[in-house]
Amino acid sequence: MRARTMVYLDVEQHRALRTEAVREGVSMAELLRRLVGRYLDERRGSGRVPPKAYLRLVGLGASGRSDISERHDAYLTRALRRDRAR
């Protein structure tokens, strides 16, 4: 079940949100739900990792680095932190 709400945005915010929604291939409402969900997860400290973060790990083996097997935890931590900062 969903509750309806109305939000007033600055013109620039609206334009940027619309552009991002098109880029993501979702509606503005869906993008807003995702952003609010992400914000609330961060506030609760849920520790939920976005699925895209795991997909980026697949390419680590082809990074040209020779220490992946020894430092995988450090690389994983860095990637997840970078993902949360977005």
PDB file of N, CA and C in Angstrom:
ATOM      1  N   MET A   1       0.843  -1.176   0.000  1.00  0.00           N
ATOM      2  CA  MET A   1       0.000   0.000   0.000  1.00  0.00           C
ATOM      3  C   MET A   1       0.888   1.240   0.000  1.00  0.00           C
ATOM      4  N   ARG A   2       0.493   2.226  -0.734  1.00  0.00           N
ATOM      5  CA  ARG A   2       1.263   3.464  -0.837  1.00  0.00           C
ATOM      6  C   ARG A   2       0.406   4.639  -0.388  1.00  0.00           C
ATOM      7  N   ALA A   3       1.066   5.638   0.143  1.00  0.00           N
ATOM      8  CA  ALA A   3       0.401   6.874   0.545  1.00  0.00           C
ATOM      9  C   ALA A   3       0.810   7.971  -0.422  1.00  0.00           C
ATOM     10  N   ARG A   4      -0.124   8.762  -0.816  1.00  0.00           N
ATOM     11  CA  ARG A   4       0.145   9.841  -1.756  1.00  0.00           C
ATOM     12  C   ARG A   4       0.659  11.058  -1.000  1.00  0.00           C
ATOM     13  N   THR A   5       1.619  11.748  -1.601  1.00  0.00           N
ATOM     14  CA  THR A   5       2.147  12.974  -1.012  1.00  0.00           C
ATOM     15  C   THR A   5       2.507  13.953  -2.116  1.00  0.00           C
ATOM     16  N   MET A   6       2.613  15.207  -1.763  1.00  0.00           N
ATOM     17  CA  MET A   6       2.976  16.230  -2.731  1.00  0.00           C
ATOM     18  C   MET A   6       4.251  16.911  -2.229  1.00  0.00           C
ATOM     19  N   VAL A   7       5.190  17.098  -3.140  1.00  0.00           N
ATOM     20  CA  VAL A   7       6.459  17.714  -2.795  1.00  0.00           C
ATOM     21  C   VAL A   7       6.729  18.843  -3.777  1.00  0.00           C
ATOM     22  N   TYR A   8       7.116  19.994  -3.266  1.00  0.00           N
ATOM     23  CA  TYR A   8       7.503  21.112  -4.115  1.00  0.00           C
ATOM     24  C   TYR A   8       9.019  21.132  -4.205  1.00  0.00           C
ATOM     25  N   LEU A   9       9.527  21.134  -5.434  1.00  0.00           N
ATOM     26  CA  LEU A   9      10.964  21.153  -5.679  1.00  0.00           C
ATOM     27  C   LEU A   9      11.353  22.446  -6.371  1.00  0.00           C
ATOM     28  N   ASP A  10      12.604  22.858  -6.176  1.00  0.00           N
ATOM     29  CA  ASP A  10      13.132  23.962  -6.972  1.00  0.00           C
ATOM     30  C   ASP A  10      13.174  23.507  -8.420  1.00  0.00           C
ATOM     31  N   VAL A  11      13.142  24.451  -9.330  1.00  0.00           N
ATOM     32  CA  VAL A  11      13.160  24.125 -10.758  1.00  0.00           C
ATOM     33  C   VAL A  11      14.389  23.287 -11.102  1.00  0.00           C
ATOM     34  N   GLU A  12      15.533  23.669 -10.573  1.00  0.00           N
ATOM     35  CA  GLU A  12      16.767  22.920 -10.853  1.00  0.00           C
ATOM     36  C   GLU A  12      16.711  21.508 -10.280  1.00  0.00           C
ATOM     37  N   GLN A  13      16.153  21.358  -9.094  1.00  0.00           N
ATOM     38  CA  GLN A  13      16.009  20.023  -8.497  1.00  0.00           C
ATOM     39  C   GLN A  13      15.104  19.155  -9.355  1.00  0.00           C
ATOM     40  N   HIS A  14      14.003  19.738  -9.818  1.00  0.00           N
ATOM     41  CA  HIS A  14      13.043  19.001 -10.646  1.00  0.00           C
ATOM     42  C   HIS A  14      13.696  18.559 -11.955  1.00  0.00           C
ATOM     43  N   ARG A  15      14.427  19.468 -12.576  1.00  0.00           N
ATOM     44  CA  ARG A  15      15.098  19.161 -13.843  1.00  0.00           C
ATOM     45  C   ARG A  15      16.126  18.042 -13.642  1.00  0.00           C
ATOM     46  N   ALA A  16      16.925  18.151 -12.594  1.00  0.00           N
ATOM     47  CA  ALA A  16      17.950  17.140 -12.324  1.00  0.00           C
ATOM     48  C   ALA A  16      17.317  15.789 -11.987  1.00  0.00           C
ATOM     49  N   LEU A  17      16.246  15.805 -11.230  1.00  0.00           N
ATOM     50  CA  LEU A  17      15.551  14.568 -10.877  1.00  0.00           C
ATOM     51  C   LEU A  17      14.960  13.905 -12.118  1.00  0.00           C
ATOM     52  N   ARG A  18      14.343  14.699 -12.977  1.00  0.00           N
ATOM     53  CA  ARG A  18      13.766  14.167 -14.215  1.00  0.00           C
ATOM     54  C   ARG A  18      14.857  13.561 -15.091  1.00  0.00           C
ATOM     55  N   THR A  19      15.990  14.251 -15.214  1.00  0.00           N
ATOM     56  CA  THR A  19      17.110  13.749 -16.008  1.00  0.00           C
ATOM     57  C   THR A  19      17.621  12.421 -15.456  1.00  0.00           C
ATOM     58  N   GLU A  20      17.781  12.355 -14.149  1.00  0.00           N
ATOM     59  CA  GLU A  20      18.266  11.127 -13.511  1.00  0.00           C
ATOM     60  C   GLU A  20      17.263   9.984 -13.673  1.00  0.00           C
ATOM     61  N   ALA A  21      15.977  10.279 -13.580  1.00  0.00           N
ATOM     62  CA  ALA A  21      14.952   9.247 -13.754  1.00  0.00           C
ATOM     63  C   ALA A  21      15.006   8.673 -15.168  1.00  0.00           C
ATOM     64  N   VAL A  22      15.164   9.535 -16.156  1.00  0.00           N
ATOM     65  CA  VAL A  22      15.281   9.075 -17.546  1.00  0.00           C
ATOM     66  C   VAL A  22      16.525   8.210 -17.700  1.00  0.00           C
ATOM     67  N   ARG A  23      17.644   8.656 -17.119  1.00  0.00           N
ATOM     68  CA  ARG A  23      18.891   7.900 -17.201  1.00  0.00           C
ATOM     69  C   ARG A  23      18.754   6.521 -16.566  1.00  0.00           C
ATOM     70  N   GLU A  24      18.026   6.447 -15.447  1.00  0.00           N
ATOM     71  CA  GLU A  24      17.820   5.176 -14.745  1.00  0.00           C
ATOM     72  C   GLU A  24      16.710   4.335 -15.386  1.00  0.00           C
ATOM     73  N   GLY A  25      15.896   4.961 -16.234  1.00  0.00           N
ATOM     74  CA  GLY A  25      14.802   4.246 -16.878  1.00  0.00           C
ATOM     75  C   GLY A  25      13.624   3.989 -15.942  1.00  0.00           C
ATOM     76  N   VAL A  26      13.407   4.912 -14.996  1.00  0.00           N
ATOM     77  CA  VAL A  26      12.300   4.779 -14.042  1.00  0.00           C
ATOM     78  C   VAL A  26      11.523   6.089 -13.993  1.00  0.00           C
ATOM     79  N   SER A  27      10.366   6.042 -13.379  1.00  0.00           N
ATOM     80  CA  SER A  27       9.584   7.262 -13.209  1.00  0.00           C
ATOM     81  C   SER A  27      10.219   8.129 -12.127  1.00  0.00           C
ATOM     82  N   MET A  28       9.846   9.400 -12.120  1.00  0.00           N
ATOM     83  CA  MET A  28      10.343  10.291 -11.073  1.00  0.00           C
ATOM     84  C   MET A  28       9.862   9.816  -9.703  1.00  0.00           C
ATOM     85  N   ALA A  29       8.635   9.321  -9.645  1.00  0.00           N
ATOM     86  CA  ALA A  29       8.108   8.823  -8.372  1.00  0.00           C
ATOM     87  C   ALA A  29       8.930   7.645  -7.861  1.00  0.00           C
ATOM     88  N   GLU A  30       9.285   6.732  -8.766  1.00  0.00           N
ATOM     89  CA  GLU A  30      10.093   5.574  -8.358  1.00  0.00           C
ATOM     90  C   GLU A  30      11.469   6.018  -7.895  1.00  0.00           C
ATOM     91  N   LEU A  31      12.064   6.964  -8.605  1.00  0.00           N
ATOM     92  CA  LEU A  31      13.374   7.469  -8.203  1.00  0.00           C
ATOM     93  C   LEU A  31      13.293   8.114  -6.820  1.00  0.00           C
ATOM     94  N   LEU A  32      12.252   8.897  -6.574  1.00  0.00           N
ATOM     95  CA  LEU A  32      12.074   9.506  -5.256  1.00  0.00           C
ATOM     96  C   LEU A  32      11.906   8.450  -4.171  1.00  0.00           C
ATOM     97  N   ARG A  33      11.123   7.388  -4.453  1.00  0.00           N
ATOM     98  CA  ARG A  33      10.959   6.307  -3.467  1.00  0.00           C
ATOM     99  C   ARG A  33      12.305   5.669  -3.150  1.00  0.00           C
ATOM    100  N   ARG A  34      13.120   5.436  -4.188  1.00  0.00           N
ATOM    101  CA  ARG A  34      14.445   4.842  -3.975  1.00  0.00           C
ATOM    102  C   ARG A  34      15.335   5.758  -3.135  1.00  0.00           C
ATOM    103  N   LEU A  35      15.311   7.053  -3.459  1.00  0.00           N
ATOM    104  CA  LEU A  35      16.138   8.003  -2.725  1.00  0.00           C
ATOM    105  C   LEU A  35      15.707   8.104  -1.269  1.00  0.00           C
ATOM    106  N   VAL A  36      14.419   8.152  -1.036  1.00  0.00           N
ATOM    107  CA  VAL A  36      13.912   8.205   0.343  1.00  0.00           C
ATOM    108  C   VAL A  36      14.268   6.912   1.069  1.00  0.00           C
ATOM    109  N   GLY A  37      14.112   5.782   0.403  1.00  0.00           N
ATOM    110  CA  GLY A  37      14.465   4.495   1.008  1.00  0.00           C
ATOM    111  C   GLY A  37      15.936   4.433   1.381  1.00  0.00           C
ATOM    112  N   ARG A  38      16.795   4.902   0.481  1.00  0.00           N
ATOM    113  CA  ARG A  38      18.233   4.919   0.742  1.00  0.00           C
ATOM    114  C   ARG A  38      18.559   5.817   1.936  1.00  0.00           C
ATOM    115  N   TYR A  39      17.927   6.979   1.969  1.00  0.00           N
ATOM    116  CA  TYR A  39      18.146   7.912   3.071  1.00  0.00           C
ATOM    117  C   TYR A  39      17.728   7.276   4.400  1.00  0.00           C
ATOM    118  N   LEU A  40      16.561   6.670   4.418  1.00  0.00           N
ATOM    119  CA  LEU A  40      16.069   6.052   5.650  1.00  0.00           C
ATOM    120  C   LEU A  40      16.940   4.870   6.071  1.00  0.00           C
ATOM    121  N   ASP A  41      17.408   4.088   5.115  1.00  0.00           N
ATOM    122  CA  ASP A  41      18.319   2.980   5.432  1.00  0.00           C
ATOM    123  C   ASP A  41      19.594   3.500   6.076  1.00  0.00           C
ATOM    124  N   GLU A  42      20.134   4.583   5.519  1.00  0.00           N
ATOM    125  CA  GLU A  42      21.356   5.159   6.079  1.00  0.00           C
ATOM    126  C   GLU A  42      21.120   5.681   7.488  1.00  0.00           C
ATOM    127  N   ARG A  43      19.987   6.315   7.703  1.00  0.00           N
ATOM    128  CA  ARG A  43      19.670   6.855   9.029  1.00  0.00           C
ATOM    129  C   ARG A  43      19.525   5.734  10.059  1.00  0.00           C
ATOM    130  N   ARG A  44      18.991   4.604   9.627  1.00  0.00           N
ATOM    131  CA  ARG A  44      18.823   3.453  10.520  1.00  0.00           C
ATOM    132  C   ARG A  44      20.100   2.644  10.633  1.00  0.00           C
ATOM    133  N   GLY A  45      21.041   2.907   9.734  1.00  0.00           N
ATOM    134  CA  GLY A  45      22.278   2.141   9.737  1.00  0.00           C
ATOM    135  C   GLY A  45      22.037   0.687   9.383  1.00  0.00           C
ATOM    136  N   SER A  46      21.202   0.461   8.376  1.00  0.00           N
ATOM    137  CA  SER A  46      20.806  -0.909   8.032  1.00  0.00           C
ATOM    138  C   SER A  46      21.958  -1.751   7.505  1.00  0.00           C
ATOM    139  N   GLY A  47      22.957  -1.117   6.923  1.00  0.00           N
ATOM    140  CA  GLY A  47      24.067  -1.885   6.384  1.00  0.00           C
ATOM    141  C   GLY A  47      23.736  -2.620   5.105  1.00  0.00           C
ATOM    142  N   ARG A  48      22.601  -2.326   4.503  1.00  0.00           N
ATOM    143  CA  ARG A  48      22.203  -2.989   3.260  1.00  0.00           C
ATOM    144  C   ARG A  48      23.129  -2.567   2.124  1.00  0.00           C
ATOM    145  N   VAL A  49      23.597  -3.516   1.383  1.00  0.00           N
ATOM    146  CA  VAL A  49      24.522  -3.258   0.281  1.00  0.00           C
ATOM    147  C   VAL A  49      23.748  -3.296  -1.032  1.00  0.00           C
ATOM    148  N   PRO A  50      23.890  -2.254  -1.865  1.00  0.00           N
ATOM    149  CA  PRO A  50      23.199  -2.260  -3.148  1.00  0.00           C
ATOM    150  C   PRO A  50      23.715  -3.378  -4.047  1.00  0.00           C
ATOM    151  N   PRO A  51      22.819  -4.042  -4.769  1.00  0.00           N
ATOM    152  CA  PRO A  51      23.238  -5.149  -5.646  1.00  0.00           C
ATOM    153  C   PRO A  51      24.313  -4.764  -6.655  1.00  0.00           C
ATOM    154  N   LYS A  52      24.294  -3.520  -7.144  1.00  0.00           N
ATOM    155  CA  LYS A  52      25.300  -3.091  -8.119  1.00  0.00           C
ATOM    156  C   LYS A  52      26.718  -3.179  -7.546  1.00  0.00           C
ATOM    157  N   ALA A  53      26.845  -3.018  -6.245  1.00  0.00           N
ATOM    158  CA  ALA A  53      28.173  -3.091  -5.621  1.00  0.00           C
ATOM    159  C   ALA A  53      28.776  -4.469  -5.828  1.00  0.00           C
ATOM    160  N   TYR A  54      27.968  -5.507  -5.727  1.00  0.00           N
ATOM    161  CA  TYR A  54      28.467  -6.870  -5.916  1.00  0.00           C
ATOM    162  C   TYR A  54      28.843  -7.125  -7.372  1.00  0.00           C
ATOM    163  N   LEU A  55      28.087  -6.553  -8.294  1.00  0.00           N
ATOM    164  CA  LEU A  55      28.385  -6.756  -9.710  1.00  0.00           C
ATOM    165  C   LEU A  55      29.728  -6.153 -10.086  1.00  0.00           C
ATOM    166  N   ARG A  56      30.095  -5.042  -9.459  1.00  0.00           N
ATOM    167  CA  ARG A  56      31.385  -4.434  -9.750  1.00  0.00           C
ATOM    168  C   ARG A  56      32.543  -5.297  -9.265  1.00  0.00           C
ATOM    169  N   LEU A  57      32.292  -6.147  -8.287  1.00  0.00           N
ATOM    170  CA  LEU A  57      33.348  -7.009  -7.758  1.00  0.00           C
ATOM    171  C   LEU A  57      33.803  -8.044  -8.784  1.00  0.00           C
ATOM    172  N   VAL A  58      32.910  -8.407  -9.686  1.00  0.00           N
ATOM    173  CA  VAL A  58      33.237  -9.416 -10.682  1.00  0.00           C
ATOM    174  C   VAL A  58      34.451  -8.992 -11.493  1.00  0.00           C
ATOM    175  N   GLY A  59      34.561  -7.699 -11.792  1.00  0.00           N
ATOM    176  CA  GLY A  59      35.658  -7.207 -12.604  1.00  0.00           C
ATOM    177  C   GLY A  59      36.965  -6.999 -11.860  1.00  0.00           C
ATOM    178  N   LEU A  60      36.983  -7.177 -10.568  1.00  0.00           N
ATOM    179  CA  LEU A  60      38.221  -6.944  -9.818  1.00  0.00           C
ATOM    180  C   LEU A  60      39.355  -7.861 -10.264  1.00  0.00           C
ATOM    181  N   GLY A  61      39.033  -9.067 -10.658  1.00  0.00           N
ATOM    182  CA  GLY A  61      40.077 -10.000 -11.073  1.00  0.00           C
ATOM    183  C   GLY A  61      40.804  -9.551 -12.318  1.00  0.00           C
ATOM    184  N   ALA A  62      40.188  -8.699 -13.106  1.00  0.00           N
ATOM    185  CA  ALA A  62      40.807  -8.197 -14.337  1.00  0.00           C
ATOM    186  C   ALA A  62      41.341  -6.783 -14.143  1.00  0.00           C
ATOM    187  N   SER A  63      41.620  -6.410 -12.901  1.00  0.00           N
ATOM    188  CA  SER A  63      42.032  -5.040 -12.609  1.00  0.00           C
ATOM    189  C   SER A  63      43.491  -4.767 -12.930  1.00  0.00           C
ATOM    190  N   GLY A  64      44.284  -5.811 -13.137  1.00  0.00           N
ATOM    191  CA  GLY A  64      45.702  -5.631 -13.354  1.00  0.00           C
ATOM    192  C   GLY A  64      46.494  -5.603 -12.058  1.00  0.00           C
ATOM    193  N   ARG A  65      45.785  -5.638 -10.944  1.00  0.00           N
ATOM    194  CA  ARG A  65      46.461  -5.660  -9.645  1.00  0.00           C
ATOM    195  C   ARG A  65      46.903  -7.079  -9.338  1.00  0.00           C
ATOM    196  N   SER A  66      48.042  -7.212  -8.702  1.00  0.00           N
ATOM    197  CA  SER A  66      48.560  -8.549  -8.406  1.00  0.00           C
ATOM    198  C   SER A  66      48.268  -8.990  -6.974  1.00  0.00           C
ATOM    199  N   ASP A  67      47.634  -8.118  -6.176  1.00  0.00           N
ATOM    200  CA  ASP A  67      47.419  -8.448  -4.763  1.00  0.00           C
ATOM    201  C   ASP A  67      45.947  -8.653  -4.404  1.00  0.00           C
ATOM    202  N   ILE A  68      45.098  -8.928  -5.389  1.00  0.00           N
ATOM    203  CA  ILE A  68      43.663  -9.094  -5.140  1.00  0.00           C
ATOM    204  C   ILE A  68      43.403 -10.203  -4.123  1.00  0.00           C
ATOM    205  N   SER A  69      44.088 -11.330  -4.266  1.00  0.00           N
ATOM    206  CA  SER A  69      43.815 -12.452  -3.359  1.00  0.00           C
ATOM    207  C   SER A  69      44.195 -12.129  -1.920  1.00  0.00           C
ATOM    208  N   GLU A  70      45.206 -11.290  -1.722  1.00  0.00           N
ATOM    209  CA  GLU A  70      45.616 -10.945  -0.360  1.00  0.00           C
ATOM    210  C   GLU A  70      44.828  -9.775   0.216  1.00  0.00           C
ATOM    211  N   ARG A  71      44.393  -8.835  -0.651  1.00  0.00           N
ATOM    212  CA  ARG A  71      43.777  -7.601  -0.156  1.00  0.00           C
ATOM    213  C   ARG A  71      42.311  -7.484  -0.543  1.00  0.00           C
ATOM    214  N   HIS A  72      41.652  -8.620  -0.848  1.00  0.00           N
ATOM    215  CA  HIS A  72      40.263  -8.537  -1.310  1.00  0.00           C
ATOM    216  C   HIS A  72      39.348  -7.845  -0.311  1.00  0.00           C
ATOM    217  N   ASP A  73      39.561  -8.048   0.992  1.00  0.00           N
ATOM    218  CA  ASP A  73      38.708  -7.397   1.989  1.00  0.00           C
ATOM    219  C   ASP A  73      38.843  -5.879   1.928  1.00  0.00           C
ATOM    220  N   ALA A  74      40.054  -5.399   1.782  1.00  0.00           N
ATOM    221  CA  ALA A  74      40.274  -3.954   1.702  1.00  0.00           C
ATOM    222  C   ALA A  74      39.623  -3.369   0.454  1.00  0.00           C
ATOM    223  N   TYR A  75      39.771  -4.062  -0.678  1.00  0.00           N
ATOM    224  CA  TYR A  75      39.159  -3.576  -1.923  1.00  0.00           C
ATOM    225  C   TYR A  75      37.634  -3.607  -1.833  1.00  0.00           C
ATOM    226  N   LEU A  76      37.091  -4.655  -1.247  1.00  0.00           N
ATOM    227  CA  LEU A  76      35.646  -4.763  -1.076  1.00  0.00           C
ATOM    228  C   LEU A  76      35.135  -3.642  -0.176  1.00  0.00           C
ATOM    229  N   THR A  77      35.799  -3.415   0.939  1.00  0.00           N
ATOM    230  CA  THR A  77      35.395  -2.359   1.862  1.00  0.00           C
ATOM    231  C   THR A  77      35.418  -1.005   1.169  1.00  0.00           C
ATOM    232  N   ARG A  78      36.465  -0.729   0.422  1.00  0.00           N
ATOM    233  CA  ARG A  78      36.576   0.541  -0.288  1.00  0.00           C
ATOM    234  C   ARG A  78      35.439   0.697  -1.303  1.00  0.00           C
ATOM    235  N   ALA A  79      35.146  -0.356  -2.043  1.00  0.00           N
ATOM    236  CA  ALA A  79      34.074  -0.298  -3.051  1.00  0.00           C
ATOM    237  C   ALA A  79      32.719  -0.058  -2.397  1.00  0.00           C
ATOM    238  N   LEU A  80      32.448  -0.720  -1.284  1.00  0.00           N
ATOM    239  CA  LEU A  80      31.162  -0.552  -0.605  1.00  0.00           C
ATOM    240  C   LEU A  80      31.036   0.846  -0.007  1.00  0.00           C
ATOM    241  N   ARG A  81      32.092   1.368   0.563  1.00  0.00           N
ATOM    242  CA  ARG A  81      32.063   2.721   1.105  1.00  0.00           C
ATOM    243  C   ARG A  81      31.824   3.747   0.000  1.00  0.00           C
ATOM    244  N   ARG A  82      32.481   3.557  -1.119  1.00  0.00           N
ATOM    245  CA  ARG A  82      32.314   4.455  -2.254  1.00  0.00           C
ATOM    246  C   ARG A  82      30.869   4.401  -2.742  1.00  0.00           C
ATOM    247  N   ASP A  83      30.276   3.213  -2.754  1.00  0.00           N
ATOM    248  CA  ASP A  83      28.903   3.056  -3.204  1.00  0.00           C
ATOM    249  C   ASP A  83      27.933   3.760  -2.260  1.00  0.00           C
ATOM    250  N   ARG A  84      28.181   3.681  -0.975  1.00  0.00           N
ATOM    251  CA  ARG A  84      27.298   4.335   0.004  1.00  0.00           C
ATOM    252  C   ARG A  84      27.387   5.844  -0.070  1.00  0.00           C
ATOM    253  N   ALA A  85      28.523   6.342  -0.492  1.00  0.00           N
ATOM    254  CA  ALA A  85      28.703   7.797  -0.574  1.00  0.00           C
ATOM    255  C   ALA A  85      27.914   8.404  -1.741  1.00  0.00           C
ATOM    256  N   ARG A  86      27.487   7.586  -2.666  1.00  0.00           N
ATOM    257  CA  ARG A  86      26.741   8.090  -3.835  1.00  0.00           C
ATOM    258  C   ARG A  86      25.328   8.403  -3.512  1.00  0.00           C
TER     259      ARG A  86
END
